[in-house]
Amino acid sequence: MVEAFYARLGIAPSCEADFEFIVSLMQWMEKTQIPFERFFFDWFCGRASEARAEKSPVAAFYSDEDFAPLRARLFSLQPVRPERLAHPYFSGAPCTMLIDEVESIWTMIASGDDWTALHAKLDQIALMREAYGFDASRFISAPYTEHQP
């Protein structure tokens, strides 16, 4: 779990306290109701994203005293490949796939056979994957094949 969260944050694990940090972070996120993708987008590579996080639509939460220990911990961790922050993805907004988006995309397909929104979303996802530099191949056990009767 620590490895996955730290990869998503673009920071290197450092010690046994990493799990406690993730637990505290998740508790804070639940309390504040900050959207998951927003937080990880705002703080990708920790301190290296401070200026972008300060411009976030949820920046007020980041100056709250409850966030102070989490910020200090984030700032103490080393970013992994911070050059990824130069990717155009990080000049926009985080890519999400919320139920309202899915329903809207499906409505366009079902009512008018219009696939443009789906293709646009897939392009956003590809851009995000490229920006984060993620390789999901190690999580895929075998290529998908359609079930044959």
C-alpha atoms as a PDB file:
ATOM      1  CA  MET A   1       0.000   0.000   0.000  1.00  0.00           C
ATOM      2  CA  VAL A   2       2.795   2.396   0.889  1.00  0.00           C
ATOM      3  CA  GLU A   3       4.540   1.676  -2.396  1.00  0.00           C
ATOM      4  CA  ALA A   4       1.368   2.382  -4.390  1.00  0.00           C
ATOM      5  CA  PHE A   5       0.538   5.622  -2.553  1.00  0.00           C
ATOM      6  CA  TYR A   6       4.082   6.895  -2.692  1.00  0.00           C
ATOM      7  CA  ALA A   7       4.319   6.120  -6.407  1.00  0.00           C
ATOM      8  CA  ARG A   8       1.069   8.033  -6.909  1.00  0.00           C
ATOM      9  CA  LEU A   9       2.556  10.947  -4.967  1.00  0.00           C
ATOM     10  CA  GLY A  10       5.868  10.739  -6.828  1.00  0.00           C
ATOM     11  CA  ILE A  11       7.904  10.425  -3.632  1.00  0.00           C
ATOM     12  CA  ALA A  12      10.308   7.805  -2.313  1.00  0.00           C
ATOM     13  CA  PRO A  13       9.417   5.661   0.722  1.00  0.00           C
ATOM     14  CA  SER A  14      11.777   6.325   3.583  1.00  0.00           C
ATOM     15  CA  CYS A  15      11.021   4.414   6.766  1.00  0.00           C
ATOM     16  CA  GLU A  16       8.581   2.379   8.806  1.00  0.00           C
ATOM     17  CA  ALA A  17       6.573   5.531   9.598  1.00  0.00           C
ATOM     18  CA  ASP A  18       5.460   5.690   5.961  1.00  0.00           C
ATOM     19  CA  PHE A  19       2.365   3.565   6.620  1.00  0.00           C
ATOM     20  CA  GLU A  20       1.292   5.798   9.505  1.00  0.00           C
ATOM     21  CA  PHE A  21       1.692   8.818   7.220  1.00  0.00           C
ATOM     22  CA  ILE A  22      -0.593   7.250   4.611  1.00  0.00           C
ATOM     23  CA  VAL A  23      -3.182   6.408   7.276  1.00  0.00           C
ATOM     24  CA  SER A  24      -3.072   9.983   8.614  1.00  0.00           C
ATOM     25  CA  LEU A  25      -3.309  11.362   5.092  1.00  0.00           C
ATOM     26  CA  MET A  26      -6.358   9.236   4.286  1.00  0.00           C
ATOM     27  CA  GLN A  27      -8.030  10.246   7.555  1.00  0.00           C
ATOM     28  CA  TRP A  28      -7.427  13.918   6.755  1.00  0.00           C
ATOM     29  CA  MET A  29      -8.744  13.464   3.218  1.00  0.00           C
ATOM     30  CA  GLU A  30     -11.880  11.786   4.550  1.00  0.00           C
ATOM     31  CA  LYS A  31     -12.406  14.565   7.083  1.00  0.00           C
ATOM     32  CA  THR A  32     -11.944  17.359   4.530  1.00  0.00           C
ATOM     33  CA  GLN A  33     -13.597  15.498   1.629  1.00  0.00           C
ATOM     34  CA  ILE A  34     -10.801  16.583  -0.704  1.00  0.00           C
ATOM     35  CA  PRO A  35     -11.160  14.653  -3.944  1.00  0.00           C
ATOM     36  CA  PHE A  36      -8.579  11.893  -4.229  1.00  0.00           C
ATOM     37  CA  GLU A  37      -7.280  12.860  -7.672  1.00  0.00           C
ATOM     38  CA  ARG A  38      -7.099  16.547  -6.720  1.00  0.00           C
ATOM     39  CA  PHE A  39      -4.839  15.898  -3.735  1.00  0.00           C
ATOM     40  CA  PHE A  40      -2.458  13.581  -5.580  1.00  0.00           C
ATOM     41  CA  PHE A  41      -2.320  15.979  -8.528  1.00  0.00           C
ATOM     42  CA  ASP A  42      -1.685  18.987  -6.285  1.00  0.00           C
ATOM     43  CA  TRP A  43       1.111  17.349  -4.302  1.00  0.00           C
ATOM     44  CA  PHE A  44       2.806  15.139  -6.891  1.00  0.00           C
ATOM     45  CA  CYS A  45       6.520  15.096  -5.989  1.00  0.00           C
ATOM     46  CA  GLY A  46       5.818  16.722  -2.624  1.00  0.00           C
ATOM     47  CA  ARG A  47       7.543  20.052  -1.997  1.00  0.00           C
ATOM     48  CA  ALA A  48       8.290  20.431  -5.718  1.00  0.00           C
ATOM     49  CA  SER A  49       4.551  21.010  -6.273  1.00  0.00           C
ATOM     50  CA  GLU A  50       4.040  23.536  -3.476  1.00  0.00           C
ATOM     51  CA  ALA A  51       3.451  26.491  -5.823  1.00  0.00           C
ATOM     52  CA  ARG A  52       0.872  24.551  -7.866  1.00  0.00           C
ATOM     53  CA  ALA A  53      -0.867  23.289  -4.703  1.00  0.00           C
ATOM     54  CA  GLU A  54      -1.146  26.874  -3.434  1.00  0.00           C
ATOM     55  CA  LYS A  55      -3.153  27.728  -6.589  1.00  0.00           C
ATOM     56  CA  SER A  56      -5.445  24.716  -6.291  1.00  0.00           C
ATOM     57  CA  PRO A  57      -9.213  25.183  -5.898  1.00  0.00           C
ATOM     58  CA  VAL A  58      -8.826  23.421  -2.523  1.00  0.00           C
ATOM     59  CA  ALA A  59      -5.715  25.366  -1.411  1.00  0.00           C
ATOM     60  CA  ALA A  60      -7.441  26.664   1.730  1.00  0.00           C
ATOM     61  CA  PHE A  61      -7.326  23.145   3.155  1.00  0.00           C
ATOM     62  CA  TYR A  62      -3.571  23.034   2.659  1.00  0.00           C
ATOM     63  CA  SER A  63      -3.037  26.040   4.925  1.00  0.00           C
ATOM     64  CA  ASP A  64      -5.201  24.555   7.679  1.00  0.00           C
ATOM     65  CA  GLU A  65      -3.380  23.611  10.880  1.00  0.00           C
ATOM     66  CA  ASP A  66      -4.636  20.010  10.589  1.00  0.00           C
ATOM     67  CA  PHE A  67      -2.650  19.678   7.379  1.00  0.00           C
ATOM     68  CA  ALA A  68       0.582  21.121   8.862  1.00  0.00           C
ATOM     69  CA  PRO A  69       2.047  17.779  10.069  1.00  0.00           C
ATOM     70  CA  LEU A  70       1.164  16.129   6.754  1.00  0.00           C
ATOM     71  CA  ARG A  71       2.778  18.986   4.852  1.00  0.00           C
ATOM     72  CA  ALA A  72       5.915  18.677   6.993  1.00  0.00           C
ATOM     73  CA  ARG A  73       6.082  14.958   6.292  1.00  0.00           C
ATOM     74  CA  LEU A  74       5.505  15.500   2.557  1.00  0.00           C
ATOM     75  CA  PHE A  75       8.280  18.090   2.498  1.00  0.00           C
ATOM     76  CA  SER A  76      10.677  15.691   4.233  1.00  0.00           C
ATOM     77  CA  LEU A  77      10.306  13.067   1.495  1.00  0.00           C
ATOM     78  CA  GLN A  78      12.404  12.949  -1.647  1.00  0.00           C
ATOM     79  CA  PRO A  79      10.663  13.356  -5.006  1.00  0.00           C
ATOM     80  CA  VAL A  80      11.143  10.635  -7.581  1.00  0.00           C
ATOM     81  CA  ARG A  81      11.861  11.947 -11.083  1.00  0.00           C
ATOM     82  CA  PRO A  82      10.531  15.474 -10.455  1.00  0.00           C
ATOM     83  CA  GLU A  83      11.218  16.333 -14.106  1.00  0.00           C
ATOM     84  CA  ARG A  84       7.797  14.772 -14.744  1.00  0.00           C
ATOM     85  CA  LEU A  85       6.262  17.961 -13.349  1.00  0.00           C
ATOM     86  CA  ALA A  86       7.263  19.723 -16.576  1.00  0.00           C
ATOM     87  CA  HIS A  87       4.744  17.595 -18.492  1.00  0.00           C
ATOM     88  CA  PRO A  88       1.798  19.632 -19.903  1.00  0.00           C
ATOM     89  CA  TYR A  89      -0.628  17.504 -17.860  1.00  0.00           C
ATOM     90  CA  PHE A  90       0.455  19.303 -14.697  1.00  0.00           C
ATOM     91  CA  SER A  91      -0.489  22.713 -16.105  1.00  0.00           C
ATOM     92  CA  GLY A  92      -4.166  21.737 -16.240  1.00  0.00           C
ATOM     93  CA  ALA A  93      -6.496  19.902 -13.914  1.00  0.00           C
ATOM     94  CA  PRO A  94      -6.406  16.308 -12.694  1.00  0.00           C
ATOM     95  CA  CYS A  95      -8.023  13.660 -14.846  1.00  0.00           C
ATOM     96  CA  THR A  96     -10.944  12.002 -13.097  1.00  0.00           C
ATOM     97  CA  MET A  97     -13.445   9.314 -13.944  1.00  0.00           C
ATOM     98  CA  LEU A  98     -16.342  10.159 -11.666  1.00  0.00           C
ATOM     99  CA  ILE A  99     -19.747   8.559 -12.061  1.00  0.00           C
ATOM    100  CA  ASP A 100     -21.274  11.748 -13.514  1.00  0.00           C
ATOM    101  CA  GLU A 101     -18.603  11.742 -16.215  1.00  0.00           C
ATOM    102  CA  VAL A 102     -19.165   8.085 -16.998  1.00  0.00           C
ATOM    103  CA  GLU A 103     -22.921   8.579 -17.197  1.00  0.00           C
ATOM    104  CA  SER A 104     -22.508  11.587 -19.486  1.00  0.00           C
ATOM    105  CA  ILE A 105     -20.170   9.679 -21.781  1.00  0.00           C
ATOM    106  CA  TRP A 106     -22.526   6.715 -21.852  1.00  0.00           C
ATOM    107  CA  THR A 107     -25.544   8.940 -22.576  1.00  0.00           C
ATOM    108  CA  MET A 108     -23.800  10.373 -25.641  1.00  0.00           C
ATOM    109  CA  ILE A 109     -22.989   6.874 -26.870  1.00  0.00           C
ATOM    110  CA  ALA A 110     -26.396   5.361 -26.106  1.00  0.00           C
ATOM    111  CA  SER A 111     -28.523   8.217 -27.432  1.00  0.00           C
ATOM    112  CA  GLY A 112     -26.579   9.268 -30.504  1.00  0.00           C
ATOM    113  CA  ASP A 113     -23.799   6.763 -31.104  1.00  0.00           C
ATOM    114  CA  ASP A 114     -21.432   9.664 -30.323  1.00  0.00           C
ATOM    115  CA  TRP A 115     -18.106   8.323 -29.119  1.00  0.00           C
ATOM    116  CA  THR A 116     -16.214  11.632 -29.092  1.00  0.00           C
ATOM    117  CA  ALA A 117     -16.448  12.117 -25.308  1.00  0.00           C
ATOM    118  CA  LEU A 118     -15.134   8.609 -24.682  1.00  0.00           C
ATOM    119  CA  HIS A 119     -12.216   9.147 -27.046  1.00  0.00           C
ATOM    120  CA  ALA A 120     -11.468  12.497 -25.381  1.00  0.00           C
ATOM    121  CA  LYS A 121     -11.503  10.835 -21.943  1.00  0.00           C
ATOM    122  CA  LEU A 122      -9.198   8.062 -23.155  1.00  0.00           C
ATOM    123  CA  ASP A 123      -6.832  10.736 -24.493  1.00  0.00           C
ATOM    124  CA  GLN A 124      -6.873  12.448 -21.064  1.00  0.00           C
ATOM    125  CA  ILE A 125      -6.111   9.149 -19.351  1.00  0.00           C
ATOM    126  CA  ALA A 126      -3.221   8.490 -21.741  1.00  0.00           C
ATOM    127  CA  LEU A 127      -1.843  11.980 -21.065  1.00  0.00           C
ATOM    128  CA  MET A 128      -2.073  11.388 -17.324  1.00  0.00           C
ATOM    129  CA  ARG A 129      -0.359   7.998 -17.576  1.00  0.00           C
ATOM    130  CA  GLU A 130       2.408   9.579 -19.648  1.00  0.00           C
ATOM    131  CA  ALA A 131       2.851  12.447 -17.176  1.00  0.00           C
ATOM    132  CA  TYR A 132       3.062  10.164 -14.176  1.00  0.00           C
ATOM    133  CA  GLY A 133       5.351   7.798 -16.052  1.00  0.00           C
ATOM    134  CA  PHE A 134       3.413   4.770 -14.873  1.00  0.00           C
ATOM    135  CA  ASP A 135       3.889   1.356 -16.378  1.00  0.00           C
ATOM    136  CA  ALA A 136       0.971  -0.859 -15.446  1.00  0.00           C
ATOM    137  CA  SER A 137       2.367  -3.923 -17.194  1.00  0.00           C
ATOM    138  CA  ARG A 138       3.508  -5.508 -13.933  1.00  0.00           C
ATOM    139  CA  PHE A 139      -0.096  -5.490 -12.691  1.00  0.00           C
ATOM    140  CA  ILE A 140      -1.474  -7.231 -15.759  1.00  0.00           C
ATOM    141  CA  SER A 141      -1.140 -10.996 -15.633  1.00  0.00           C
ATOM    142  CA  ALA A 142      -2.261 -11.756 -19.169  1.00  0.00           C
ATOM    143  CA  PRO A 143      -3.658  -9.853 -22.108  1.00  0.00           C
ATOM    144  CA  TYR A 144      -7.430  -9.563 -22.211  1.00  0.00           C
ATOM    145  CA  THR A 145      -9.104 -11.951 -24.575  1.00  0.00           C
ATOM    146  CA  GLU A 146     -12.785 -12.090 -25.222  1.00  0.00           C
ATOM    147  CA  HIS A 147     -14.497 -15.154 -23.793  1.00  0.00           C
ATOM    148  CA  GLN A 148     -15.135 -17.767 -26.432  1.00  0.00           C
ATOM    149  CA  PRO A 149     -18.046 -20.184 -25.848  1.00  0.00           C
END
